[in-house]
Amino acid sequence: MRLTASVRQQLLDQNEGFTRTTHDRQKNFTEDIKYTITGGELHMRRTGKSSWADSRFEENSIADVEQTRRFLRKYLDYGDLNTAGIE
């Protein structure tokens, strides 16, 4: 499936409420990213910390076009997204 702008928007609209969380754990760094499709957009909530005492962070953002494309491609490949009616 080619992820044109209209196909990306259809996928986002028809997968409202879809949520996935990724975890990245390294020696001195941890990060969790919760992805949620809401209102036709991909929202990302990043939380994590590094080895520094004051290094905790929490960020909320809306994915840009490239981040959205990668996310959709990954979960299309896994077969997790509803693709009914999309060609």
Protein backbone atom coordinates (compact mmCIF):
# COMPACT_ATOMS: atom_id res chain seq x y z
CA MET A 1 0.00 0.00 0.00
CA ARG A 2 1.38 3.39 -0.99
CA LEU A 3 1.12 5.89 1.88
CA THR A 4 0.01 8.99 0.03
CA ALA A 5 -1.34 11.92 2.04
CA SER A 6 -4.95 10.82 1.48
CA VAL A 7 -4.21 7.19 2.43
CA ARG A 8 -2.37 8.29 5.59
CA GLN A 9 -5.34 10.44 6.58
CA GLN A 10 -7.82 7.61 5.90
CA LEU A 11 -5.75 5.26 8.07
CA LEU A 12 -5.57 7.80 10.88
CA ASP A 13 -9.31 8.50 10.70
CA GLN A 14 -10.35 4.86 10.63
CA ASN A 15 -7.96 3.77 13.41
CA GLU A 16 -9.11 6.34 15.97
CA GLY A 17 -8.05 5.26 19.47
CA PHE A 18 -5.26 2.91 18.29
CA THR A 19 -2.45 2.96 20.88
CA ARG A 20 1.01 1.43 21.05
CA THR A 21 3.91 1.96 23.46
CA THR A 22 7.57 1.45 22.62
CA HIS A 23 10.39 1.04 25.12
CA ASP A 24 14.05 1.89 24.63
CA ARG A 25 16.41 0.83 27.38
CA GLN A 26 20.14 1.39 27.16
CA LYS A 27 22.93 1.52 29.73
CA ASN A 28 22.36 5.11 30.89
CA PHE A 29 19.07 5.98 29.20
CA THR A 30 15.47 4.83 29.18
CA GLU A 31 12.61 6.14 27.07
CA ASP A 32 8.99 5.12 26.61
CA ILE A 33 6.91 6.53 23.77
CA LYS A 34 3.15 6.13 23.82
CA TYR A 35 1.61 6.63 20.37
CA THR A 36 -2.11 7.35 20.15
CA ILE A 37 -4.22 8.12 17.09
CA THR A 38 -6.68 10.84 18.08
CA GLY A 39 -8.60 13.37 16.03
CA GLY A 40 -6.98 12.26 12.77
CA GLU A 41 -3.46 12.85 14.14
CA LEU A 42 -0.73 10.72 15.65
CA HIS A 43 0.08 11.94 19.16
CA MET A 44 3.31 10.99 20.94
CA ARG A 45 3.99 11.12 24.66
CA ARG A 46 7.69 10.61 25.45
CA THR A 47 8.86 9.93 29.01
CA GLY A 48 12.26 8.87 30.19
CA LYS A 49 15.45 9.55 32.07
CA SER A 50 19.19 9.31 31.76
CA SER A 51 21.93 8.77 34.31
CA TRP A 52 22.00 12.44 35.34
CA ALA A 53 20.15 13.21 38.59
CA ASP A 54 17.88 15.84 37.02
CA SER A 55 17.43 14.12 33.69
CA ARG A 56 13.80 13.03 33.77
CA PHE A 57 11.70 14.28 30.91
CA GLU A 58 8.16 14.21 29.60
CA GLU A 59 7.12 15.61 26.23
CA ASN A 60 3.86 15.61 24.32
CA SER A 61 3.81 16.28 20.59
CA ILE A 62 2.02 15.58 17.34
CA ALA A 63 3.98 13.47 14.87
CA ASP A 64 5.22 15.11 11.70
CA VAL A 65 4.59 13.60 8.26
CA GLU A 66 7.69 11.39 8.29
CA GLN A 67 7.11 10.09 11.83
CA THR A 68 3.49 9.33 10.92
CA ARG A 69 4.53 7.53 7.74
CA ARG A 70 7.07 5.34 9.61
CA PHE A 71 4.55 4.52 12.35
CA LEU A 72 1.81 3.60 9.90
CA ARG A 73 4.18 1.51 7.76
CA LYS A 74 5.43 -0.41 10.80
CA TYR A 75 1.96 -1.29 12.09
CA LEU A 76 0.61 -2.00 8.60
CA ASP A 77 3.43 -4.51 8.19
CA TYR A 78 2.45 -6.09 11.53
CA GLY A 79 -1.20 -6.22 10.38
CA ASP A 80 -2.40 -4.23 13.40
CA LEU A 81 -4.27 -1.42 11.62
CA ASN A 82 -7.76 -1.49 10.16
CA THR A 83 -7.36 -1.14 6.38
CA ALA A 84 -10.91 -1.99 5.30
CA GLY A 85 -11.88 -0.05 2.17
CA ILE A 86 -8.41 1.46 1.62
CA GLU A 87 -6.59 0.58 -1.58
